[in-house]
N, C-alpha and C. Protein backbone atom coordinates (compact mmCIF):
# COMPACT_ATOMS: atom_id res chain seq x y z
N MET A 1 56.08 -53.76 53.58
CA MET A 1 56.93 -52.84 52.83
C MET A 1 56.51 -51.40 53.10
N LYS A 2 57.44 -50.53 53.31
CA LYS A 2 57.15 -49.14 53.64
C LYS A 2 56.94 -48.36 52.34
N LEU A 3 55.82 -47.67 52.23
CA LEU A 3 55.52 -46.90 51.05
C LEU A 3 55.24 -45.46 51.42
N MET A 4 55.56 -44.53 50.52
CA MET A 4 55.20 -43.14 50.69
C MET A 4 53.90 -42.90 49.95
N PRO A 5 52.83 -42.48 50.63
CA PRO A 5 51.55 -42.34 49.98
C PRO A 5 51.42 -41.13 49.08
N ALA A 6 52.42 -40.28 49.02
CA ALA A 6 52.33 -39.10 48.17
C ALA A 6 52.27 -39.48 46.70
N ALA A 7 51.44 -38.77 45.95
CA ALA A 7 51.18 -39.16 44.57
C ALA A 7 52.08 -38.45 43.57
N CYS A 8 52.54 -37.26 43.87
CA CYS A 8 53.23 -36.49 42.82
C CYS A 8 54.36 -35.67 43.42
N ILE A 9 55.24 -36.30 44.17
CA ILE A 9 56.37 -35.62 44.77
C ILE A 9 57.53 -35.54 43.78
N ALA A 10 58.16 -34.38 43.70
CA ALA A 10 59.36 -34.22 42.89
C ALA A 10 60.46 -33.65 43.77
N ILE A 11 61.60 -34.32 43.78
CA ILE A 11 62.72 -33.84 44.58
C ILE A 11 63.38 -32.66 43.86
N VAL A 12 63.48 -31.53 44.56
CA VAL A 12 64.16 -30.35 44.03
C VAL A 12 65.64 -30.45 44.30
N ALA A 13 65.99 -30.81 45.56
CA ALA A 13 67.40 -30.94 45.93
C ALA A 13 67.49 -31.85 47.13
N ALA A 14 68.50 -32.70 47.14
CA ALA A 14 68.76 -33.55 48.29
C ALA A 14 70.26 -33.62 48.48
N THR A 15 70.78 -32.76 49.33
CA THR A 15 72.22 -32.61 49.49
C THR A 15 72.60 -32.98 50.90
N SER A 16 73.19 -34.17 51.06
CA SER A 16 73.50 -34.64 52.40
C SER A 16 74.57 -33.79 53.07
N SER A 17 75.48 -33.21 52.28
CA SER A 17 76.53 -32.39 52.89
C SER A 17 75.94 -31.15 53.53
N ALA A 18 74.89 -30.61 52.88
CA ALA A 18 74.20 -29.45 53.44
C ALA A 18 73.08 -29.87 54.38
N GLN A 19 72.80 -31.18 54.43
CA GLN A 19 71.77 -31.74 55.29
C GLN A 19 70.44 -31.04 55.06
N THR A 20 70.11 -30.84 53.78
CA THR A 20 68.88 -30.18 53.39
C THR A 20 68.16 -31.00 52.33
N LEU A 21 66.86 -31.12 52.48
CA LEU A 21 66.02 -31.80 51.50
C LEU A 21 64.96 -30.83 51.03
N GLU A 22 64.76 -30.73 49.72
CA GLU A 22 63.70 -29.90 49.16
C GLU A 22 62.88 -30.74 48.19
N TYR A 23 61.56 -30.59 48.26
CA TYR A 23 60.70 -31.27 47.30
C TYR A 23 59.43 -30.45 47.08
N VAL A 24 58.76 -30.70 45.96
CA VAL A 24 57.49 -30.04 45.67
C VAL A 24 56.39 -31.09 45.60
N GLY A 25 55.19 -30.69 45.95
CA GLY A 25 54.04 -31.57 45.90
C GLY A 25 52.79 -30.78 45.59
N ASP A 26 51.65 -31.47 45.58
CA ASP A 26 50.39 -30.82 45.25
C ASP A 26 49.27 -31.61 45.91
N THR A 27 48.44 -30.96 46.72
CA THR A 27 47.36 -31.65 47.41
C THR A 27 46.07 -31.69 46.60
N THR A 28 46.06 -31.07 45.42
CA THR A 28 44.83 -30.97 44.63
C THR A 28 44.30 -32.35 44.25
N GLY A 29 43.05 -32.61 44.58
CA GLY A 29 42.40 -33.85 44.18
C GLY A 29 42.82 -35.09 44.95
N LEU A 30 43.56 -34.93 46.04
CA LEU A 30 44.04 -36.10 46.79
C LEU A 30 43.03 -36.52 47.86
N ASP A 31 43.35 -37.61 48.54
CA ASP A 31 42.50 -38.11 49.63
C ASP A 31 42.30 -37.03 50.68
N ARG A 32 41.20 -37.14 51.44
CA ARG A 32 40.84 -36.14 52.42
C ARG A 32 40.79 -36.74 53.83
N PHE A 33 40.95 -35.88 54.83
CA PHE A 33 40.85 -36.32 56.22
C PHE A 33 40.38 -35.17 57.10
N ASN A 34 40.11 -35.49 58.35
CA ASN A 34 39.78 -34.48 59.35
C ASN A 34 41.10 -34.01 59.97
N ARG A 35 41.53 -32.82 59.61
CA ARG A 35 42.84 -32.39 60.07
C ARG A 35 42.81 -31.98 61.55
N PRO A 36 43.90 -32.19 62.25
CA PRO A 36 44.00 -31.67 63.62
C PRO A 36 44.04 -30.14 63.63
N ASP A 37 43.62 -29.54 64.74
CA ASP A 37 43.85 -28.12 64.94
C ASP A 37 44.75 -27.88 66.14
N GLY A 38 45.29 -28.97 66.68
CA GLY A 38 46.24 -28.94 67.78
C GLY A 38 46.79 -30.33 67.97
N ILE A 39 47.74 -30.48 68.86
CA ILE A 39 48.37 -31.77 69.09
C ILE A 39 47.37 -32.82 69.57
N SER A 40 46.33 -32.40 70.27
CA SER A 40 45.40 -33.37 70.86
C SER A 40 43.95 -33.12 70.48
N SER A 41 43.69 -32.32 69.43
CA SER A 41 42.31 -32.03 69.07
C SER A 41 42.15 -31.95 67.55
N LEU A 42 40.95 -32.29 67.08
CA LEU A 42 40.62 -32.24 65.66
C LEU A 42 39.80 -30.99 65.36
N SER A 43 39.94 -30.51 64.13
CA SER A 43 39.18 -29.35 63.71
C SER A 43 37.70 -29.71 63.58
N GLY A 44 36.83 -28.78 63.99
CA GLY A 44 35.40 -28.99 63.86
C GLY A 44 34.87 -28.60 62.50
N PHE A 45 35.64 -27.81 61.71
CA PHE A 45 35.15 -27.36 60.41
C PHE A 45 35.99 -27.91 59.25
N ALA A 46 37.27 -28.15 59.49
CA ALA A 46 38.14 -28.70 58.45
C ALA A 46 38.18 -30.22 58.59
N ASN A 47 37.05 -30.84 58.26
CA ASN A 47 36.89 -32.27 58.50
C ASN A 47 36.91 -33.11 57.23
N ASN A 48 37.24 -32.46 56.09
CA ASN A 48 37.30 -33.18 54.82
C ASN A 48 38.29 -32.47 53.89
N VAL A 49 39.54 -32.37 54.36
CA VAL A 49 40.56 -31.56 53.70
C VAL A 49 41.53 -32.45 52.92
N PRO A 50 41.87 -32.10 51.67
CA PRO A 50 42.89 -32.87 50.95
C PRO A 50 44.23 -32.78 51.67
N TYR A 51 45.00 -33.87 51.58
CA TYR A 51 46.30 -33.88 52.24
C TYR A 51 47.30 -34.69 51.41
N GLU A 52 48.57 -34.44 51.67
CA GLU A 52 49.64 -35.24 51.08
C GLU A 52 50.64 -35.56 52.17
N ALA A 53 50.96 -36.85 52.31
CA ALA A 53 51.87 -37.31 53.36
C ALA A 53 53.14 -37.86 52.73
N VAL A 54 54.28 -37.41 53.22
CA VAL A 54 55.58 -37.80 52.68
C VAL A 54 56.44 -38.39 53.79
N GLU A 55 56.93 -39.60 53.56
CA GLU A 55 57.77 -40.27 54.56
C GLU A 55 59.22 -39.84 54.42
N ILE A 56 59.83 -39.46 55.53
CA ILE A 56 61.25 -39.13 55.54
C ILE A 56 61.94 -39.93 56.65
N GLU A 57 63.25 -40.00 56.54
CA GLU A 57 64.05 -40.58 57.62
C GLU A 57 65.06 -39.55 58.08
N VAL A 58 65.14 -39.34 59.39
CA VAL A 58 66.13 -38.47 60.01
C VAL A 58 67.25 -39.38 60.53
N THR A 59 68.48 -39.13 60.10
CA THR A 59 69.57 -40.07 60.41
C THR A 59 70.23 -39.82 61.75
N GLU A 60 70.08 -38.61 62.31
CA GLU A 60 70.73 -38.29 63.58
C GLU A 60 69.76 -37.53 64.49
N THR A 61 69.86 -37.77 65.77
CA THR A 61 69.10 -37.00 66.74
C THR A 61 69.62 -35.57 66.79
N GLY A 62 68.73 -34.60 66.78
CA GLY A 62 69.16 -33.20 66.81
C GLY A 62 68.00 -32.27 66.50
N LEU A 63 68.34 -31.04 66.13
CA LEU A 63 67.36 -30.00 65.84
C LEU A 63 67.09 -29.94 64.34
N TYR A 64 65.80 -29.79 63.98
CA TYR A 64 65.41 -29.77 62.57
C TYR A 64 64.37 -28.68 62.34
N THR A 65 64.36 -28.17 61.10
CA THR A 65 63.41 -27.15 60.69
C THR A 65 62.74 -27.61 59.40
N ILE A 66 61.41 -27.49 59.35
CA ILE A 66 60.63 -27.86 58.16
C ILE A 66 59.80 -26.65 57.76
N LEU A 67 59.97 -26.23 56.52
CA LEU A 67 59.30 -25.04 56.02
C LEU A 67 58.49 -25.38 54.77
N SER A 68 57.33 -24.75 54.61
CA SER A 68 56.50 -24.96 53.42
C SER A 68 56.06 -23.62 52.85
N ASP A 69 56.25 -23.48 51.53
CA ASP A 69 55.86 -22.26 50.82
C ASP A 69 54.72 -22.63 49.86
N GLN A 70 53.54 -22.07 50.07
CA GLN A 70 52.38 -22.31 49.22
C GLN A 70 52.10 -21.13 48.29
N THR A 71 53.14 -20.35 47.95
CA THR A 71 52.95 -19.17 47.10
C THR A 71 53.79 -19.22 45.82
N ASN A 72 54.57 -20.26 45.64
CA ASN A 72 55.57 -20.28 44.57
C ASN A 72 55.03 -20.62 43.19
N PHE A 73 53.76 -20.94 43.07
CA PHE A 73 53.27 -21.53 41.82
C PHE A 73 52.11 -20.73 41.23
N GLY A 74 52.15 -19.43 41.39
CA GLY A 74 51.16 -18.55 40.78
C GLY A 74 49.90 -18.35 41.58
N GLU A 75 49.84 -18.93 42.76
CA GLU A 75 48.68 -18.73 43.62
C GLU A 75 49.12 -18.82 45.08
N ARG A 76 48.34 -18.22 45.95
CA ARG A 76 48.59 -18.29 47.39
C ARG A 76 47.39 -18.99 48.03
N TRP A 77 47.66 -20.11 48.67
CA TRP A 77 46.57 -20.79 49.36
C TRP A 77 46.98 -21.08 50.80
N ASP A 78 45.98 -21.30 51.63
CA ASP A 78 46.20 -21.38 53.08
C ASP A 78 46.53 -22.82 53.46
N GLY A 79 47.81 -23.10 53.56
CA GLY A 79 48.27 -24.45 53.90
C GLY A 79 48.37 -24.68 55.40
N TYR A 80 48.55 -25.94 55.75
CA TYR A 80 48.65 -26.36 57.15
C TYR A 80 49.68 -27.47 57.21
N LEU A 81 50.69 -27.32 58.04
CA LEU A 81 51.82 -28.25 58.09
C LEU A 81 51.78 -29.08 59.37
N LEU A 82 51.91 -30.39 59.22
CA LEU A 82 51.92 -31.29 60.36
C LEU A 82 53.10 -32.24 60.26
N LEU A 83 53.62 -32.65 61.42
CA LEU A 83 54.73 -33.59 61.47
C LEU A 83 54.36 -34.75 62.39
N TYR A 84 54.51 -35.97 61.87
CA TYR A 84 54.19 -37.18 62.63
C TYR A 84 55.45 -38.02 62.82
N GLU A 85 55.54 -38.67 63.96
CA GLU A 85 56.67 -39.55 64.26
C GLU A 85 56.25 -41.01 64.16
N GLY A 86 57.04 -41.81 63.42
CA GLY A 86 56.84 -43.25 63.37
C GLY A 86 55.86 -43.74 62.34
N GLY A 87 54.84 -42.97 62.02
CA GLY A 87 53.84 -43.38 61.06
C GLY A 87 52.74 -42.36 60.95
N PHE A 88 51.90 -42.53 59.93
CA PHE A 88 50.76 -41.62 59.74
C PHE A 88 49.57 -42.43 59.28
N ASP A 89 48.43 -42.26 59.96
CA ASP A 89 47.19 -42.93 59.63
C ASP A 89 46.11 -41.87 59.54
N ALA A 90 45.60 -41.64 58.33
CA ALA A 90 44.62 -40.57 58.13
C ALA A 90 43.32 -40.82 58.88
N THR A 91 43.06 -42.08 59.25
CA THR A 91 41.84 -42.38 60.00
C THR A 91 42.02 -42.12 61.50
N SER A 92 43.27 -41.95 61.93
CA SER A 92 43.58 -41.61 63.33
C SER A 92 44.60 -40.47 63.33
N PRO A 93 44.17 -39.27 62.91
CA PRO A 93 45.12 -38.20 62.61
C PRO A 93 45.80 -37.55 63.80
N LEU A 94 45.46 -37.96 65.02
CA LEU A 94 46.18 -37.44 66.19
C LEU A 94 47.31 -38.37 66.62
N ASP A 95 47.28 -39.62 66.17
CA ASP A 95 48.31 -40.58 66.58
C ASP A 95 49.65 -40.21 65.98
N GLY A 96 50.65 -40.06 66.83
CA GLY A 96 52.00 -39.77 66.37
C GLY A 96 52.28 -38.32 66.02
N LEU A 97 51.29 -37.45 66.18
CA LEU A 97 51.47 -36.04 65.83
C LEU A 97 52.38 -35.36 66.85
N VAL A 98 53.47 -34.73 66.36
CA VAL A 98 54.43 -34.10 67.27
C VAL A 98 54.55 -32.60 67.07
N ALA A 99 54.11 -32.06 65.93
CA ALA A 99 54.22 -30.62 65.70
C ALA A 99 53.23 -30.20 64.63
N ILE A 100 52.83 -28.92 64.69
CA ILE A 100 51.80 -28.42 63.79
C ILE A 100 51.99 -26.92 63.60
N ASN A 101 51.69 -26.42 62.39
CA ASN A 101 51.75 -24.98 62.17
C ASN A 101 50.82 -24.60 61.03
N ASP A 102 50.10 -23.51 61.22
CA ASP A 102 49.22 -22.97 60.19
C ASP A 102 49.95 -21.86 59.45
N ASP A 103 50.01 -20.68 60.03
CA ASP A 103 50.65 -19.53 59.39
C ASP A 103 51.99 -19.25 60.06
N TYR A 104 53.03 -19.18 59.25
CA TYR A 104 54.40 -19.00 59.74
C TYR A 104 54.73 -17.51 59.85
N PHE A 105 55.38 -17.12 60.95
CA PHE A 105 55.75 -15.72 61.15
C PHE A 105 57.23 -15.58 61.50
N GLY A 106 58.04 -16.54 61.05
CA GLY A 106 59.48 -16.46 61.25
C GLY A 106 60.15 -15.70 60.12
N SER A 107 61.48 -15.88 60.03
CA SER A 107 62.27 -15.11 59.05
C SER A 107 62.93 -15.97 57.98
N LEU A 108 62.58 -17.26 57.90
CA LEU A 108 63.29 -18.17 57.00
C LEU A 108 62.60 -18.38 55.66
N LEU A 109 61.41 -17.81 55.48
CA LEU A 109 60.69 -17.90 54.22
C LEU A 109 60.55 -16.51 53.60
N PRO A 110 60.20 -16.42 52.32
CA PRO A 110 60.11 -15.10 51.66
C PRO A 110 59.04 -14.20 52.25
N GLY A 111 58.05 -14.78 52.90
CA GLY A 111 56.99 -13.99 53.50
C GLY A 111 56.46 -14.64 54.76
N THR A 112 55.40 -14.08 55.30
CA THR A 112 54.80 -14.62 56.52
C THR A 112 53.29 -14.66 56.37
N GLY A 113 52.65 -15.37 57.30
CA GLY A 113 51.19 -15.43 57.32
C GLY A 113 50.64 -16.47 56.37
N ILE A 114 49.44 -16.20 55.83
CA ILE A 114 48.78 -17.15 54.93
C ILE A 114 49.66 -17.42 53.71
N GLY A 115 49.81 -18.69 53.40
CA GLY A 115 50.66 -19.09 52.28
C GLY A 115 52.01 -19.62 52.71
N TYR A 116 52.32 -19.51 54.00
CA TYR A 116 53.60 -19.99 54.53
C TYR A 116 53.35 -20.76 55.83
N SER A 117 54.04 -21.88 55.96
CA SER A 117 53.94 -22.68 57.19
C SER A 117 55.34 -23.14 57.56
N GLY A 118 55.60 -23.29 58.86
CA GLY A 118 56.94 -23.70 59.27
C GLY A 118 57.01 -24.20 60.69
N ILE A 119 57.90 -25.17 60.89
CA ILE A 119 58.20 -25.70 62.22
C ILE A 119 59.70 -25.54 62.41
N GLU A 120 60.12 -24.69 63.34
CA GLU A 120 61.54 -24.37 63.50
C GLU A 120 62.15 -25.05 64.72
N ASN A 121 63.36 -25.57 64.52
CA ASN A 121 64.22 -26.05 65.62
C ASN A 121 63.49 -27.01 66.56
N ILE A 122 62.86 -28.01 65.97
CA ILE A 122 62.23 -29.03 66.77
C ILE A 122 63.23 -30.15 67.03
N GLN A 123 63.28 -30.66 68.24
CA GLN A 123 64.18 -31.75 68.60
C GLN A 123 63.58 -33.08 68.14
N LEU A 124 64.30 -33.77 67.25
CA LEU A 124 63.84 -35.06 66.74
C LEU A 124 64.88 -36.12 67.03
N THR A 125 64.42 -37.31 67.35
CA THR A 125 65.32 -38.45 67.47
C THR A 125 65.44 -39.12 66.11
N ALA A 126 66.56 -39.78 65.87
CA ALA A 126 66.76 -40.47 64.60
C ALA A 126 65.63 -41.46 64.37
N GLY A 127 65.09 -41.48 63.15
CA GLY A 127 64.00 -42.40 62.85
C GLY A 127 63.14 -41.90 61.72
N THR A 128 61.94 -42.47 61.62
CA THR A 128 61.02 -42.20 60.53
C THR A 128 59.97 -41.17 60.94
N TYR A 129 59.69 -40.23 60.04
CA TYR A 129 58.68 -39.21 60.26
C TYR A 129 57.86 -39.03 58.98
N PHE A 130 56.70 -38.42 59.13
CA PHE A 130 55.86 -38.08 57.98
C PHE A 130 55.57 -36.59 58.01
N ILE A 131 55.90 -35.91 56.91
CA ILE A 131 55.52 -34.52 56.72
C ILE A 131 54.18 -34.51 55.99
N VAL A 132 53.17 -33.91 56.61
CA VAL A 132 51.84 -33.88 56.01
C VAL A 132 51.49 -32.43 55.70
N LEU A 133 51.12 -32.18 54.45
CA LEU A 133 50.69 -30.85 54.03
C LEU A 133 49.20 -30.93 53.72
N THR A 134 48.42 -30.04 54.29
CA THR A 134 46.98 -30.01 54.07
C THR A 134 46.53 -28.56 54.04
N GLY A 135 45.21 -28.32 54.12
CA GLY A 135 44.70 -26.96 54.04
C GLY A 135 44.01 -26.52 55.32
N TYR A 136 43.81 -25.22 55.44
CA TYR A 136 43.14 -24.68 56.62
C TYR A 136 41.65 -25.03 56.60
N GLU A 137 41.02 -24.90 55.44
CA GLU A 137 39.61 -25.24 55.29
C GLU A 137 39.46 -26.35 54.26
N ASN A 138 38.26 -26.90 54.14
CA ASN A 138 38.04 -28.04 53.27
C ASN A 138 38.36 -27.76 51.81
N ASP A 139 38.21 -26.52 51.37
CA ASP A 139 38.46 -26.20 49.97
C ASP A 139 39.85 -25.60 49.73
N ASP A 140 40.73 -25.66 50.73
CA ASP A 140 42.10 -25.17 50.57
C ASP A 140 43.00 -26.30 50.07
N ASP A 141 43.53 -26.14 48.86
CA ASP A 141 44.47 -27.13 48.33
C ASP A 141 45.32 -26.47 47.24
N GLY A 142 46.36 -27.17 46.82
CA GLY A 142 47.21 -26.63 45.78
C GLY A 142 48.64 -27.11 45.88
N PRO A 143 49.52 -26.54 45.03
CA PRO A 143 50.94 -26.92 45.02
C PRO A 143 51.71 -26.26 46.15
N TYR A 144 52.84 -26.85 46.49
CA TYR A 144 53.66 -26.32 47.58
C TYR A 144 55.10 -26.80 47.41
N GLN A 145 56.00 -26.15 48.12
CA GLN A 145 57.40 -26.58 48.16
C GLN A 145 57.85 -26.65 49.61
N VAL A 146 58.44 -27.79 49.98
CA VAL A 146 58.93 -28.01 51.34
C VAL A 146 60.45 -28.01 51.36
N GLN A 147 61.02 -27.41 52.39
CA GLN A 147 62.45 -27.51 52.65
C GLN A 147 62.62 -28.00 54.08
N ALA A 148 63.38 -29.08 54.23
CA ALA A 148 63.67 -29.63 55.55
C ALA A 148 65.17 -29.67 55.75
N SER A 149 65.63 -29.24 56.92
CA SER A 149 67.06 -29.20 57.20
C SER A 149 67.29 -29.43 58.69
N GLY A 150 68.53 -29.80 59.02
CA GLY A 150 68.83 -30.01 60.43
C GLY A 150 70.20 -30.59 60.66
N ASP A 151 70.37 -31.17 61.83
CA ASP A 151 71.69 -31.64 62.25
C ASP A 151 72.13 -32.91 61.54
N GLY A 152 71.19 -33.68 61.03
CA GLY A 152 71.53 -34.92 60.33
C GLY A 152 71.01 -34.91 58.92
N GLU A 153 71.31 -35.98 58.19
CA GLU A 153 70.79 -36.13 56.83
C GLU A 153 69.30 -36.45 56.90
N ILE A 154 68.55 -35.93 55.94
CA ILE A 154 67.12 -36.19 55.84
C ILE A 154 66.86 -36.90 54.51
N ARG A 155 66.35 -38.11 54.58
CA ARG A 155 66.11 -38.91 53.38
C ARG A 155 64.63 -38.99 53.08
N LEU A 156 64.30 -38.87 51.81
CA LEU A 156 62.93 -39.02 51.35
C LEU A 156 62.83 -40.31 50.55
N PHE A 157 61.87 -41.16 50.91
CA PHE A 157 61.71 -42.45 50.24
C PHE A 157 60.45 -42.46 49.39
N THR A 158 60.58 -42.87 48.12
CA THR A 158 59.41 -43.18 47.32
C THR A 158 58.90 -44.56 47.68
N CYS A 159 59.79 -45.42 48.08
CA CYS A 159 59.42 -46.71 48.65
C CYS A 159 60.66 -47.27 49.36
N PHE A 160 60.47 -48.31 50.14
CA PHE A 160 61.57 -48.80 50.96
C PHE A 160 62.76 -49.24 50.12
N ALA A 161 62.52 -49.84 48.96
CA ALA A 161 63.61 -50.37 48.15
C ALA A 161 64.54 -49.28 47.62
N ASP A 162 64.05 -48.04 47.58
CA ASP A 162 64.90 -46.92 47.14
C ASP A 162 65.71 -46.45 48.34
N MET A 163 66.69 -47.25 48.73
CA MET A 163 67.41 -47.04 49.98
C MET A 163 68.20 -45.74 50.02
N ASN A 164 68.70 -45.28 48.87
CA ASN A 164 69.50 -44.06 48.88
C ASN A 164 68.69 -42.82 48.50
N GLY A 165 67.37 -42.99 48.30
CA GLY A 165 66.48 -41.85 48.11
C GLY A 165 66.69 -41.06 46.85
N ASP A 166 67.21 -41.71 45.78
CA ASP A 166 67.46 -40.97 44.53
C ASP A 166 66.36 -41.20 43.49
N SER A 167 65.28 -41.86 43.90
CA SER A 167 64.12 -42.13 43.04
C SER A 167 64.43 -43.12 41.91
N GLN A 168 65.51 -43.88 42.05
CA GLN A 168 65.86 -44.91 41.09
C GLN A 168 66.21 -46.20 41.84
N LEU A 169 65.91 -47.34 41.22
CA LEU A 169 66.29 -48.63 41.81
C LEU A 169 67.43 -49.22 41.02
N ASN A 170 68.57 -49.44 41.69
CA ASN A 170 69.75 -49.98 41.03
C ASN A 170 70.66 -50.63 42.07
N ILE A 171 71.85 -51.01 41.65
CA ILE A 171 72.79 -51.73 42.51
C ILE A 171 73.16 -50.93 43.75
N PHE A 172 73.09 -49.59 43.64
CA PHE A 172 73.47 -48.76 44.78
C PHE A 172 72.48 -48.91 45.94
N ASP A 173 71.23 -49.23 45.63
CA ASP A 173 70.25 -49.49 46.69
C ASP A 173 70.58 -50.79 47.41
N PHE A 174 71.03 -51.81 46.67
CA PHE A 174 71.48 -53.05 47.30
C PHE A 174 72.66 -52.79 48.22
N LEU A 175 73.62 -51.99 47.75
CA LEU A 175 74.81 -51.70 48.55
C LEU A 175 74.44 -50.92 49.81
N GLU A 176 73.52 -49.96 49.68
CA GLU A 176 73.09 -49.17 50.84
C GLU A 176 72.40 -50.07 51.86
N PHE A 177 71.52 -50.95 51.36
CA PHE A 177 70.84 -51.87 52.27
C PHE A 177 71.84 -52.77 52.99
N GLN A 178 72.81 -53.31 52.24
CA GLN A 178 73.82 -54.19 52.84
C GLN A 178 74.62 -53.46 53.90
N ASN A 179 75.02 -52.23 53.60
CA ASN A 179 75.81 -51.45 54.56
C ASN A 179 75.02 -51.18 55.84
N LEU A 180 73.75 -50.82 55.70
CA LEU A 180 72.92 -50.56 56.87
C LEU A 180 72.72 -51.84 57.68
N PHE A 181 72.48 -52.94 56.98
CA PHE A 181 72.28 -54.22 57.66
C PHE A 181 73.54 -54.62 58.43
N ASP A 182 74.70 -54.52 57.77
CA ASP A 182 75.96 -54.90 58.41
C ASP A 182 76.26 -54.03 59.62
N ALA A 183 75.82 -52.76 59.58
CA ALA A 183 76.06 -51.84 60.69
C ALA A 183 75.05 -52.01 61.82
N GLY A 184 74.07 -52.91 61.61
CA GLY A 184 73.05 -53.11 62.63
C GLY A 184 72.04 -51.97 62.71
N ASP A 185 71.93 -51.20 61.61
CA ASP A 185 71.04 -50.04 61.58
C ASP A 185 69.62 -50.52 61.27
N LEU A 186 68.65 -50.17 62.13
CA LEU A 186 67.27 -50.61 61.92
C LEU A 186 66.60 -49.96 60.73
N ALA A 187 67.30 -49.05 60.05
CA ALA A 187 66.78 -48.56 58.77
C ALA A 187 66.68 -49.69 57.76
N ALA A 188 67.41 -50.80 58.01
CA ALA A 188 67.34 -51.98 57.14
C ALA A 188 66.27 -52.97 57.60
N ASP A 189 65.48 -52.61 58.59
CA ASP A 189 64.43 -53.50 59.11
C ASP A 189 63.21 -53.41 58.20
N CYS A 190 63.29 -54.04 57.05
CA CYS A 190 62.25 -53.93 56.03
C CYS A 190 60.91 -54.47 56.51
N ASP A 191 60.92 -55.58 57.25
CA ASP A 191 59.65 -56.16 57.70
C ASP A 191 59.15 -55.56 59.00
N GLU A 192 59.89 -54.58 59.53
CA GLU A 192 59.48 -53.78 60.69
C GLU A 192 59.12 -54.63 61.91
N ASP A 193 59.93 -55.68 62.16
CA ASP A 193 59.69 -56.49 63.35
C ASP A 193 60.62 -56.14 64.50
N GLY A 194 61.43 -55.09 64.32
CA GLY A 194 62.33 -54.64 65.37
C GLY A 194 63.64 -55.38 65.44
N ALA A 195 63.92 -56.27 64.47
CA ALA A 195 65.17 -57.04 64.45
C ALA A 195 65.62 -57.21 63.01
N LEU A 196 66.93 -57.40 62.84
CA LEU A 196 67.49 -57.62 61.50
C LEU A 196 67.71 -59.11 61.29
N SER A 197 67.23 -59.63 60.17
CA SER A 197 67.32 -61.06 59.90
C SER A 197 67.25 -61.31 58.40
N LEU A 198 67.31 -62.58 58.05
CA LEU A 198 67.19 -62.98 56.65
C LEU A 198 65.88 -62.49 56.03
N PHE A 199 64.84 -62.37 56.86
CA PHE A 199 63.55 -61.95 56.35
C PHE A 199 63.58 -60.51 55.84
N ASP A 200 64.50 -59.70 56.38
CA ASP A 200 64.64 -58.34 55.87
C ASP A 200 65.24 -58.35 54.47
N PHE A 201 66.18 -59.26 54.22
CA PHE A 201 66.73 -59.41 52.87
C PHE A 201 65.63 -59.82 51.90
N LEU A 202 64.80 -60.78 52.30
CA LEU A 202 63.72 -61.24 51.43
C LEU A 202 62.71 -60.13 51.19
N CYS A 203 62.40 -59.36 52.23
CA CYS A 203 61.48 -58.23 52.11
C CYS A 203 62.03 -57.18 51.16
N PHE A 204 63.32 -56.86 51.31
CA PHE A 204 63.94 -55.88 50.44
C PHE A 204 63.95 -56.36 48.99
N GLN A 205 64.32 -57.62 48.77
CA GLN A 205 64.36 -58.18 47.42
C GLN A 205 62.98 -58.13 46.77
N ASN A 206 61.95 -58.47 47.55
CA ASN A 206 60.59 -58.43 47.03
C ASN A 206 60.19 -57.02 46.64
N GLY A 207 60.51 -56.05 47.49
CA GLY A 207 60.20 -54.66 47.19
C GLY A 207 60.93 -54.16 45.96
N PHE A 208 62.19 -54.55 45.83
CA PHE A 208 62.98 -54.15 44.68
C PHE A 208 62.37 -54.72 43.40
N ASP A 209 61.97 -56.00 43.45
CA ASP A 209 61.40 -56.65 42.27
C ASP A 209 60.08 -56.03 41.86
N ILE A 210 59.28 -55.62 42.85
CA ILE A 210 57.99 -54.99 42.54
C ILE A 210 58.20 -53.62 41.92
N GLY A 211 59.21 -52.89 42.43
CA GLY A 211 59.49 -51.55 41.94
C GLY A 211 58.75 -50.48 42.71
N CYS A 212 59.02 -49.23 42.39
CA CYS A 212 58.43 -48.11 43.08
C CYS A 212 57.51 -47.36 42.13
N GLU A 213 56.35 -47.02 42.63
CA GLU A 213 55.42 -46.23 41.81
C GLU A 213 55.80 -44.77 41.85
């Protein structure tokens, strides 16, 4: 079953017509890892940094922008934004890493430099990604707000059974799963074996019955 490891995510806005997702989180007191300082290298000093990982699904191949503001909550802290494709494993933090940014100097956030991070116009294929927010140094942590937008819809899952990403489990999740399954969409591949079968129905039912934390 696919789970989002984030502990305290709150959806601010999820508007498919605008193809924009906004949520807030907080890395304070969370699990720690050795953060990358590049696509193929780990930091030598930021080796025990709190992080929060959020699973999203991109529905269409195209260009996407992910922005993070670490100044909106009464403090400015030095955040670090990472994007992973397919999965995220804190014990192997270079696997699947496709983009990274420390201090943002574009024009899409209220400010630039420390306290702002952003990845603009990155080409993504439809599928699953993880947005990871962490700090520049080991003692950098705090609240943040992320905005993700692009050519397709961006879905945030609290768990796999929440198929429509509204943070509630109800009949609409069953209908969404059925529609995806009938369309042959691998977003319905609950057991992640690369094929759609009866076992995906059983996996989805089990996840629904367990519920989402």
